[in-house]
Amino acid sequence: MKSKHILGIVLLVIIAVFMTACTTSIADVKIQDNVGKKVTVSGTVEGSLKLGEISGYTLKDDSGSIFISSNNLPDDGTKKTIRGLLEKNLIGYYVETK
């Protein structure tokens, strides 16, 4: 019985380490080498936008902010972890989730 509990705890620790390693700060994601690659970022939603075909929101963490292009617009203040394709245009970096 103890071995099952120990195995369960070890598995939870491995999952927690993996999830932490996969999430990168917004400032670290926003580099040219990551453009066109899948990235994962976490932060707090600030300001949603819906303008015709363009919709999304700003995601902010302690290191900065990035626009998330998405049809789903969460409420401001919501904590989110997003995985999507990092893109860059004349305005700057954004994550495409569509």
PDB file of N, CA and C in Angstrom:
ATOM      1  N   MET A   1       0.819  -1.195   0.000  1.00  0.00           N
ATOM      2  CA  MET A   1       0.000   0.000   0.000  1.00  0.00           C
ATOM      3  C   MET A   1       0.863   1.259   0.000  1.00  0.00           C
ATOM      4  N   LYS A   2       1.948   1.261   0.794  1.00  0.00           N
ATOM      5  CA  LYS A   2       2.823   2.425   0.844  1.00  0.00           C
ATOM      6  C   LYS A   2       3.483   2.678  -0.499  1.00  0.00           C
ATOM      7  N   SER A   3       3.825   1.613  -1.223  1.00  0.00           N
ATOM      8  CA  SER A   3       4.490   1.792  -2.517  1.00  0.00           C
ATOM      9  C   SER A   3       3.577   2.485  -3.518  1.00  0.00           C
ATOM     10  N   LYS A   4       2.266   2.240  -3.434  1.00  0.00           N
ATOM     11  CA  LYS A   4       1.317   2.928  -4.324  1.00  0.00           C
ATOM     12  C   LYS A   4       1.263   4.416  -4.006  1.00  0.00           C
ATOM     13  N   HIS A   5       1.308   4.756  -2.723  1.00  0.00           N
ATOM     14  CA  HIS A   5       1.283   6.163  -2.323  1.00  0.00           C
ATOM     15  C   HIS A   5       2.565   6.870  -2.759  1.00  0.00           C
ATOM     16  N   ILE A   6       3.689   6.203  -2.572  1.00  0.00           N
ATOM     17  CA  ILE A   6       4.971   6.790  -2.980  1.00  0.00           C
ATOM     18  C   ILE A   6       5.008   6.978  -4.484  1.00  0.00           C
ATOM     19  N   LEU A   7       4.540   5.976  -5.231  1.00  0.00           N
ATOM     20  CA  LEU A   7       4.498   6.076  -6.692  1.00  0.00           C
ATOM     21  C   LEU A   7       3.599   7.236  -7.126  1.00  0.00           C
ATOM     22  N   GLY A   8       2.471   7.395  -6.445  1.00  0.00           N
ATOM     23  CA  GLY A   8       1.554   8.488  -6.764  1.00  0.00           C
ATOM     24  C   GLY A   8       2.181   9.852  -6.508  1.00  0.00           C
ATOM     25  N   ILE A   9       2.897   9.979  -5.407  1.00  0.00           N
ATOM     26  CA  ILE A   9       3.561  11.236  -5.075  1.00  0.00           C
ATOM     27  C   ILE A   9       4.654  11.546  -6.082  1.00  0.00           C
ATOM     28  N   VAL A  10       5.447  10.538  -6.442  1.00  0.00           N
ATOM     29  CA  VAL A  10       6.513  10.730  -7.437  1.00  0.00           C
ATOM     30  C   VAL A  10       5.914  11.165  -8.768  1.00  0.00           C
ATOM     31  N   LEU A  11       4.823  10.531  -9.163  1.00  0.00           N
ATOM     32  CA  LEU A  11       4.161  10.892 -10.419  1.00  0.00           C
ATOM     33  C   LEU A  11       3.657  12.335 -10.384  1.00  0.00           C
ATOM     34  N   LEU A  12       3.077  12.766  -9.273  1.00  0.00           N
ATOM     35  CA  LEU A  12       2.611  14.150  -9.152  1.00  0.00           C
ATOM     36  C   LEU A  12       3.763  15.145  -9.226  1.00  0.00           C
ATOM     37  N   VAL A  13       4.888  14.817  -8.613  1.00  0.00           N
ATOM     38  CA  VAL A  13       6.058  15.700  -8.666  1.00  0.00           C
ATOM     39  C   VAL A  13       6.567  15.809 -10.098  1.00  0.00           C
ATOM     40  N   ILE A  14       6.633  14.696 -10.813  1.00  0.00           N
ATOM     41  CA  ILE A  14       7.093  14.712 -12.204  1.00  0.00           C
ATOM     42  C   ILE A  14       6.167  15.563 -13.065  1.00  0.00           C
ATOM     43  N   ILE A  15       4.867  15.421 -12.876  1.00  0.00           N
ATOM     44  CA  ILE A  15       3.898  16.217 -13.649  1.00  0.00           C
ATOM     45  C   ILE A  15       4.064  17.699 -13.333  1.00  0.00           C
ATOM     46  N   ALA A  16       4.233  18.045 -12.060  1.00  0.00           N
ATOM     47  CA  ALA A  16       4.399  19.447 -11.672  1.00  0.00           C
ATOM     48  C   ALA A  16       5.660  20.037 -12.284  1.00  0.00           C
ATOM     49  N   VAL A  17       6.755  19.289 -12.277  1.00  0.00           N
ATOM     50  CA  VAL A  17       8.006  19.767 -12.878  1.00  0.00           C
ATOM     51  C   VAL A  17       7.828  19.949 -14.375  1.00  0.00           C
ATOM     52  N   PHE A  18       7.177  19.000 -15.038  1.00  0.00           N
ATOM     53  CA  PHE A  18       6.954  19.086 -16.478  1.00  0.00           C
ATOM     54  C   PHE A  18       6.109  20.299 -16.829  1.00  0.00           C
ATOM     55  N   MET A  19       5.041  20.546 -16.075  1.00  0.00           N
ATOM     56  CA  MET A  19       4.172  21.687 -16.357  1.00  0.00           C
ATOM     57  C   MET A  19       4.913  22.996 -16.148  1.00  0.00           C
ATOM     58  N   THR A  20       5.740  23.084 -15.133  1.00  0.00           N
ATOM     59  CA  THR A  20       6.513  24.294 -14.874  1.00  0.00           C
ATOM     60  C   THR A  20       7.532  24.515 -15.979  1.00  0.00           C
ATOM     61  N   ALA A  21       8.171  23.467 -16.440  1.00  0.00           N
ATOM     62  CA  ALA A  21       9.186  23.581 -17.481  1.00  0.00           C
ATOM     63  C   ALA A  21       8.578  23.988 -18.816  1.00  0.00           C
ATOM     64  N   CYS A  22       7.331  23.661 -19.048  1.00  0.00           N
ATOM     65  CA  CYS A  22       6.690  23.959 -20.331  1.00  0.00           C
ATOM     66  C   CYS A  22       6.190  25.395 -20.418  1.00  0.00           C
ATOM     67  N   THR A  23       5.940  26.024 -19.296  1.00  0.00           N
ATOM     68  CA  THR A  23       5.442  27.388 -19.287  1.00  0.00           C
ATOM     69  C   THR A  23       6.621  28.346 -19.161  1.00  0.00           C
ATOM     70  N   THR A  24       6.688  29.280 -20.073  1.00  0.00           N
ATOM     71  CA  THR A  24       7.781  30.237 -20.112  1.00  0.00           C
ATOM     72  C   THR A  24       7.218  31.624 -19.867  1.00  0.00           C
ATOM     73  N   SER A  25       8.041  32.505 -19.284  1.00  0.00           N
ATOM     74  CA  SER A  25       7.577  33.873 -19.081  1.00  0.00           C
ATOM     75  C   SER A  25       7.322  34.528 -20.433  1.00  0.00           C
ATOM     76  N   ILE A  26       6.451  35.487 -20.431  1.00  0.00           N
ATOM     77  CA  ILE A  26       6.102  36.175 -21.672  1.00  0.00           C
ATOM     78  C   ILE A  26       7.320  36.850 -22.286  1.00  0.00           C
ATOM     79  N   ALA A  27       8.158  37.467 -21.478  1.00  0.00           N
ATOM     80  CA  ALA A  27       9.360  38.128 -22.006  1.00  0.00           C
ATOM     81  C   ALA A  27      10.293  37.121 -22.674  1.00  0.00           C
ATOM     82  N   ASP A  28      10.419  35.921 -22.105  1.00  0.00           N
ATOM     83  CA  ASP A  28      11.297  34.905 -22.686  1.00  0.00           C
ATOM     84  C   ASP A  28      10.745  34.329 -23.979  1.00  0.00           C
ATOM     85  N   VAL A  29       9.432  34.306 -24.124  1.00  0.00           N
ATOM     86  CA  VAL A  29       8.797  33.770 -25.337  1.00  0.00           C
ATOM     87  C   VAL A  29       8.965  34.737 -26.510  1.00  0.00           C
ATOM     88  N   LYS A  30       8.927  36.039 -26.224  1.00  0.00           N
ATOM     89  CA  LYS A  30       8.928  37.057 -27.274  1.00  0.00           C
ATOM     90  C   LYS A  30      10.336  37.293 -27.831  1.00  0.00           C
ATOM     91  N   ILE A  31      10.873  36.278 -28.506  1.00  0.00           N
ATOM     92  CA  ILE A  31      12.157  36.409 -29.196  1.00  0.00           C
ATOM     93  C   ILE A  31      12.020  35.845 -30.603  1.00  0.00           C
ATOM     94  N   GLN A  32      12.794  36.364 -31.515  1.00  0.00           N
ATOM     95  CA  GLN A  32      12.705  35.997 -32.924  1.00  0.00           C
ATOM     96  C   GLN A  32      12.855  34.492 -33.143  1.00  0.00           C
ATOM     97  N   ASP A  33      13.697  33.825 -32.347  1.00  0.00           N
ATOM     98  CA  ASP A  33      13.920  32.385 -32.518  1.00  0.00           C
ATOM     99  C   ASP A  33      12.654  31.561 -32.290  1.00  0.00           C
ATOM    100  N   ASN A  34      11.685  32.094 -31.569  1.00  0.00           N
ATOM    101  CA  ASN A  34      10.462  31.351 -31.277  1.00  0.00           C
ATOM    102  C   ASN A  34       9.344  31.585 -32.287  1.00  0.00           C
ATOM    103  N   VAL A  35       9.497  32.535 -33.188  1.00  0.00           N
ATOM    104  CA  VAL A  35       8.448  32.835 -34.164  1.00  0.00           C
ATOM    105  C   VAL A  35       8.206  31.606 -35.029  1.00  0.00           C
ATOM    106  N   GLY A  36       6.923  31.239 -35.147  1.00  0.00           N
ATOM    107  CA  GLY A  36       6.538  30.067 -35.927  1.00  0.00           C
ATOM    108  C   GLY A  36       6.552  28.776 -35.128  1.00  0.00           C
ATOM    109  N   LYS A  37       6.873  28.861 -33.840  1.00  0.00           N
ATOM    110  CA  LYS A  37       6.915  27.672 -32.980  1.00  0.00           C
ATOM    111  C   LYS A  37       5.774  27.716 -31.971  1.00  0.00           C
ATOM    112  N   LYS A  38       5.381  26.520 -31.498  1.00  0.00           N
ATOM    113  CA  LYS A  38       4.381  26.427 -30.427  1.00  0.00           C
ATOM    114  C   LYS A  38       5.013  26.891 -29.125  1.00  0.00           C
ATOM    115  N   VAL A  39       4.305  27.758 -28.412  1.00  0.00           N
ATOM    116  CA  VAL A  39       4.774  28.265 -27.125  1.00  0.00           C
ATOM    117  C   VAL A  39       3.646  28.129 -26.101  1.00  0.00           C
ATOM    118  N   THR A  40       4.027  28.132 -24.832  1.00  0.00           N
ATOM    119  CA  THR A  40       3.064  28.099 -23.742  1.00  0.00           C
ATOM    120  C   THR A  40       3.378  29.251 -22.804  1.00  0.00           C
ATOM    121  N   VAL A  41       2.377  30.066 -22.513  1.00  0.00           N
ATOM    122  CA  VAL A  41       2.536  31.196 -21.605  1.00  0.00           C
ATOM    123  C   VAL A  41       1.375  31.218 -20.614  1.00  0.00           C
ATOM    124  N   SER A  42       1.651  31.764 -19.447  1.00  0.00           N
ATOM    125  CA  SER A  42       0.622  31.909 -18.414  1.00  0.00           C
ATOM    126  C   SER A  42       0.578  33.347 -17.949  1.00  0.00           C
ATOM    127  N   GLY A  43      -0.594  33.775 -17.546  1.00  0.00           N
ATOM    128  CA  GLY A  43      -0.728  35.123 -17.031  1.00  0.00           C
ATOM    129  C   GLY A  43      -2.167  35.451 -16.711  1.00  0.00           C
ATOM    130  N   THR A  44      -2.409  36.734 -16.555  1.00  0.00           N
ATOM    131  CA  THR A  44      -3.730  37.246 -16.213  1.00  0.00           C
ATOM    132  C   THR A  44      -4.289  38.018 -17.402  1.00  0.00           C
ATOM    133  N   VAL A  45      -5.549  37.764 -17.708  1.00  0.00           N
ATOM    134  CA  VAL A  45      -6.222  38.424 -18.831  1.00  0.00           C
ATOM    135  C   VAL A  45      -6.462  39.886 -18.498  1.00  0.00           C
ATOM    136  N   GLU A  46      -6.088  40.753 -19.449  1.00  0.00           N
ATOM    137  CA  GLU A  46      -6.337  42.190 -19.327  1.00  0.00           C
ATOM    138  C   GLU A  46      -6.823  42.714 -20.669  1.00  0.00           C
ATOM    139  N   GLY A  47      -8.024  43.134 -20.739  1.00  0.00           N
ATOM    140  CA  GLY A  47      -8.539  43.795 -21.930  1.00  0.00           C
ATOM    141  C   GLY A  47      -8.783  42.890 -23.112  1.00  0.00           C
ATOM    142  N   SER A  48     -10.044  42.592 -23.378  1.00  0.00           N
ATOM    143  CA  SER A  48     -10.434  41.803 -24.550  1.00  0.00           C
ATOM    144  C   SER A  48     -10.770  42.732 -25.700  1.00  0.00           C
ATOM    145  N   LEU A  49     -10.654  42.199 -26.921  1.00  0.00           N
ATOM    146  CA  LEU A  49     -10.916  42.986 -28.123  1.00  0.00           C
ATOM    147  C   LEU A  49     -11.694  42.139 -29.115  1.00  0.00           C
ATOM    148  N   LYS A  50     -12.775  42.689 -29.672  1.00  0.00           N
ATOM    149  CA  LYS A  50     -13.544  42.046 -30.736  1.00  0.00           C
ATOM    150  C   LYS A  50     -13.833  43.123 -31.758  1.00  0.00           C
ATOM    151  N   LEU A  51     -13.156  43.027 -32.912  1.00  0.00           N
ATOM    152  CA  LEU A  51     -13.308  44.026 -33.962  1.00  0.00           C
ATOM    153  C   LEU A  51     -13.387  43.303 -35.301  1.00  0.00           C
ATOM    154  N   GLY A  52     -14.611  43.001 -35.734  1.00  0.00           N
ATOM    155  CA  GLY A  52     -14.794  42.245 -36.968  1.00  0.00           C
ATOM    156  C   GLY A  52     -14.169  40.866 -36.868  1.00  0.00           C
ATOM    157  N   GLU A  53     -13.238  40.561 -37.760  1.00  0.00           N
ATOM    158  CA  GLU A  53     -12.554  39.263 -37.777  1.00  0.00           C
ATOM    159  C   GLU A  53     -11.473  39.149 -36.705  1.00  0.00           C
ATOM    160  N   ILE A  54     -11.075  40.269 -36.121  1.00  0.00           N
ATOM    161  CA  ILE A  54      -9.998  40.274 -35.130  1.00  0.00           C
ATOM    162  C   ILE A  54     -10.603  40.166 -33.733  1.00  0.00           C
ATOM    163  N   SER A  55     -10.145  39.157 -32.992  1.00  0.00           N
ATOM    164  CA  SER A  55     -10.584  39.038 -31.606  1.00  0.00           C
ATOM    165  C   SER A  55      -9.456  38.439 -30.781  1.00  0.00           C
ATOM    166  N   GLY A  56      -9.416  38.823 -29.520  1.00  0.00           N
ATOM    167  CA  GLY A  56      -8.395  38.307 -28.630  1.00  0.00           C
ATOM    168  C   GLY A  56      -8.316  39.137 -27.367  1.00  0.00           C
ATOM    169  N   TYR A  57      -7.215  38.961 -26.656  1.00  0.00           N
ATOM    170  CA  TYR A  57      -7.044  39.648 -25.385  1.00  0.00           C
ATOM    171  C   TYR A  57      -5.564  39.743 -25.063  1.00  0.00           C
ATOM    172  N   THR A  58      -5.234  40.590 -24.108  1.00  0.00           N
ATOM    173  CA  THR A  58      -3.865  40.735 -23.639  1.00  0.00           C
ATOM    174  C   THR A  58      -3.673  39.832 -22.432  1.00  0.00           C
ATOM    175  N   LEU A  59      -2.571  39.082 -22.448  1.00  0.00           N
ATOM    176  CA  LEU A  59      -2.192  38.240 -21.319  1.00  0.00           C
ATOM    177  C   LEU A  59      -0.958  38.849 -20.690  1.00  0.00           C
ATOM    178  N   LYS A  60      -0.973  39.045 -19.364  1.00  0.00           N
ATOM    179  CA  LYS A  60       0.121  39.734 -18.681  1.00  0.00           C
ATOM    180  C   LYS A  60       0.669  38.887 -17.542  1.00  0.00           C
ATOM    181  N   ASP A  61       2.007  38.867 -17.409  1.00  0.00           N
ATOM    182  CA  ASP A  61       2.655  38.278 -16.241  1.00  0.00           C
ATOM    183  C   ASP A  61       3.655  39.295 -15.698  1.00  0.00           C
ATOM    184  N   ASP A  62       4.486  38.891 -14.747  1.00  0.00           N
ATOM    185  CA  ASP A  62       5.443  39.812 -14.136  1.00  0.00           C
ATOM    186  C   ASP A  62       6.486  40.328 -15.113  1.00  0.00           C
ATOM    187  N   SER A  63       6.699  39.616 -16.227  1.00  0.00           N
ATOM    188  CA  SER A  63       7.755  39.992 -17.169  1.00  0.00           C
ATOM    189  C   SER A  63       7.269  40.864 -18.328  1.00  0.00           C
ATOM    190  N   GLY A  64       5.947  40.936 -18.535  1.00  0.00           N
ATOM    191  CA  GLY A  64       5.427  41.731 -19.646  1.00  0.00           C
ATOM    192  C   GLY A  64       4.051  41.262 -20.076  1.00  0.00           C
ATOM    193  N   SER A  65       3.696  41.588 -21.319  1.00  0.00           N
ATOM    194  CA  SER A  65       2.382  41.202 -21.838  1.00  0.00           C
ATOM    195  C   SER A  65       2.499  40.820 -23.310  1.00  0.00           C
ATOM    196  N   ILE A  66       1.477  40.075 -23.770  1.00  0.00           N
ATOM    197  CA  ILE A  66       1.436  39.656 -25.166  1.00  0.00           C
ATOM    198  C   ILE A  66      -0.029  39.525 -25.572  1.00  0.00           C
ATOM    199  N   PHE A  67      -0.321  39.800 -26.848  1.00  0.00           N
ATOM    200  CA  PHE A  67      -1.679  39.654 -27.354  1.00  0.00           C
ATOM    201  C   PHE A  67      -1.928  38.196 -27.690  1.00  0.00           C
ATOM    202  N   ILE A  68      -3.099  37.687 -27.314  1.00  0.00           N
ATOM    203  CA  ILE A  68      -3.514  36.322 -27.616  1.00  0.00           C
ATOM    204  C   ILE A  68      -4.661  36.417 -28.614  1.00  0.00           C
ATOM    205  N   SER A  69      -4.447  35.937 -29.824  1.00  0.00           N
ATOM    206  CA  SER A  69      -5.483  35.931 -30.847  1.00  0.00           C
ATOM    207  C   SER A  69      -6.380  34.720 -30.612  1.00  0.00           C
ATOM    208  N   SER A  70      -7.650  34.978 -30.296  1.00  0.00           N
ATOM    209  CA  SER A  70      -8.552  33.892 -29.915  1.00  0.00           C
ATOM    210  C   SER A  70      -9.997  34.300 -30.146  1.00  0.00           C
ATOM    211  N   ASN A  71     -10.841  33.325 -30.487  1.00  0.00           N
ATOM    212  CA  ASN A  71     -12.278  33.575 -30.582  1.00  0.00           C
ATOM    213  C   ASN A  71     -12.934  33.553 -29.213  1.00  0.00           C
ATOM    214  N   ASN A  72     -12.323  32.846 -28.271  1.00  0.00           N
ATOM    215  CA  ASN A  72     -12.839  32.773 -26.904  1.00  0.00           C
ATOM    216  C   ASN A  72     -12.261  33.920 -26.088  1.00  0.00           C
ATOM    217  N   LEU A  73     -13.116  34.759 -25.559  1.00  0.00           N
ATOM    218  CA  LEU A  73     -12.683  35.931 -24.808  1.00  0.00           C
ATOM    219  C   LEU A  73     -13.015  35.773 -23.330  1.00  0.00           C
ATOM    220  N   PRO A  74     -12.018  35.417 -22.511  1.00  0.00           N
ATOM    221  CA  PRO A  74     -12.267  35.262 -21.080  1.00  0.00           C
ATOM    222  C   PRO A  74     -12.434  36.613 -20.399  1.00  0.00           C
ATOM    223  N   ASP A  75     -12.979  36.594 -19.211  1.00  0.00           N
ATOM    224  CA  ASP A  75     -13.171  37.822 -18.427  1.00  0.00           C
ATOM    225  C   ASP A  75     -11.832  38.372 -17.956  1.00  0.00           C
ATOM    226  N   ASP A  76     -11.759  39.694 -17.856  1.00  0.00           N
ATOM    227  CA  ASP A  76     -10.570  40.334 -17.290  1.00  0.00           C
ATOM    228  C   ASP A  76     -10.310  39.788 -15.886  1.00  0.00           C
ATOM    229  N   GLY A  77      -9.034  39.607 -15.568  1.00  0.00           N
ATOM    230  CA  GLY A  77      -8.653  39.103 -14.266  1.00  0.00           C
ATOM    231  C   GLY A  77      -8.537  37.586 -14.195  1.00  0.00           C
ATOM    232  N   THR A  78      -8.984  36.894 -15.257  1.00  0.00           N
ATOM    233  CA  THR A  78      -8.901  35.437 -15.294  1.00  0.00           C
ATOM    234  C   THR A  78      -7.455  35.002 -15.492  1.00  0.00           C
ATOM    235  N   LYS A  79      -7.017  34.013 -14.741  1.00  0.00           N
ATOM    236  CA  LYS A  79      -5.682  33.444 -14.923  1.00  0.00           C
ATOM    237  C   LYS A  79      -5.781  32.355 -15.985  1.00  0.00           C
ATOM    238  N   LYS A  80      -4.891  32.425 -16.992  1.00  0.00           N
ATOM    239  CA  LYS A  80      -4.937  31.475 -18.116  1.00  0.00           C
ATOM    240  C   LYS A  80      -3.546  30.955 -18.435  1.00  0.00           C
ATOM    241  N   THR A  81      -3.482  29.733 -18.909  1.00  0.00           N
ATOM    242  CA  THR A  81      -2.283  29.178 -19.531  1.00  0.00           C
ATOM    243  C   THR A  81      -2.662  28.876 -20.966  1.00  0.00           C
ATOM    244  N   ILE A  82      -1.906  29.443 -21.893  1.00  0.00           N
ATOM    245  CA  ILE A  82      -2.231  29.381 -23.312  1.00  0.00           C
ATOM    246  C   ILE A  82      -1.119  28.681 -24.071  1.00  0.00           C
ATOM    247  N   ARG A  83      -1.500  27.815 -25.012  1.00  0.00           N
ATOM    248  CA  ARG A  83      -0.542  27.193 -25.917  1.00  0.00           C
ATOM    249  C   ARG A  83      -0.976  27.547 -27.333  1.00  0.00           C
ATOM    250  N   GLY A  84      -0.036  28.070 -28.100  1.00  0.00           N
ATOM    251  CA  GLY A  84      -0.344  28.442 -29.468  1.00  0.00           C
ATOM    252  C   GLY A  84       0.916  28.772 -30.233  1.00  0.00           C
ATOM    253  N   LEU A  85       0.732  29.213 -31.454  1.00  0.00           N
ATOM    254  CA  LEU A  85       1.829  29.531 -32.361  1.00  0.00           C
ATOM    255  C   LEU A  85       2.242  30.990 -32.189  1.00  0.00           C
ATOM    256  N   LEU A  86       3.520  31.218 -31.898  1.00  0.00           N
ATOM    257  CA  LEU A  86       4.013  32.590 -31.764  1.00  0.00           C
ATOM    258  C   LEU A  86       4.195  33.191 -33.149  1.00  0.00           C
ATOM    259  N   GLU A  87       3.602  34.353 -33.361  1.00  0.00           N
ATOM    260  CA  GLU A  87       3.689  35.071 -34.632  1.00  0.00           C
ATOM    261  C   GLU A  87       4.213  36.476 -34.373  1.00  0.00           C
ATOM    262  N   LYS A  88       4.677  37.125 -35.429  1.00  0.00           N
ATOM    263  CA  LYS A  88       5.139  38.504 -35.320  1.00  0.00           C
ATOM    264  C   LYS A  88       4.709  39.253 -36.574  1.00  0.00           C
ATOM    265  N   ASN A  89       4.193  40.469 -36.371  1.00  0.00           N
ATOM    266  CA  ASN A  89       3.872  41.347 -37.496  1.00  0.00           C
ATOM    267  C   ASN A  89       4.444  42.725 -37.201  1.00  0.00           C
ATOM    268  N   LEU A  90       4.052  43.725 -37.960  1.00  0.00           N
ATOM    269  CA  LEU A  90       4.597  45.071 -37.772  1.00  0.00           C
ATOM    270  C   LEU A  90       4.322  45.642 -36.382  1.00  0.00           C
ATOM    271  N   ILE A  91       3.231  45.230 -35.777  1.00  0.00           N
ATOM    272  CA  ILE A  91       2.855  45.750 -34.461  1.00  0.00           C
ATOM    273  C   ILE A  91       3.625  45.058 -33.347  1.00  0.00           C
ATOM    274  N   GLY A  92       3.943  43.783 -33.510  1.00  0.00           N
ATOM    275  CA  GLY A  92       4.696  43.051 -32.485  1.00  0.00           C
ATOM    276  C   GLY A  92       4.358  41.577 -32.449  1.00  0.00           C
ATOM    277  N   TYR A  93       4.698  40.958 -31.334  1.00  0.00           N
ATOM    278  CA  TYR A  93       4.476  39.526 -31.148  1.00  0.00           C
ATOM    279  C   TYR A  93       3.065  39.252 -30.658  1.00  0.00           C
ATOM    280  N   TYR A  94       2.530  38.087 -31.062  1.00  0.00           N
ATOM    281  CA  TYR A  94       1.250  37.617 -30.555  1.00  0.00           C
ATOM    282  C   TYR A  94       1.195  36.104 -30.659  1.00  0.00           C
ATOM    283  N   VAL A  95       0.288  35.499 -29.895  1.00  0.00           N
ATOM    284  CA  VAL A  95       0.107  34.045 -29.923  1.00  0.00           C
ATOM    285  C   VAL A  95      -1.208  33.745 -30.606  1.00  0.00           C
ATOM    286  N   GLU A  96      -1.135  32.928 -31.641  1.00  0.00           N
ATOM    287  CA  GLU A  96      -2.316  32.518 -32.429  1.00  0.00           C
ATOM    288  C   GLU A  96      -2.853  31.215 -31.853  1.00  0.00           C
ATOM    289  N   THR A  97      -4.112  31.231 -31.394  1.00  0.00           N
ATOM    290  CA  THR A  97      -4.710  30.032 -30.802  1.00  0.00           C
ATOM    291  C   THR A  97      -5.833  29.462 -31.639  1.00  0.00           C
ATOM    292  N   LYS A  98      -6.182  30.085 -32.724  1.00  0.00           N
ATOM    293  CA  LYS A  98      -7.333  29.650 -33.536  1.00  0.00           C
ATOM    294  C   LYS A  98      -7.004  28.415 -34.319  1.00  0.00           C
TER     295      LYS A  98
END
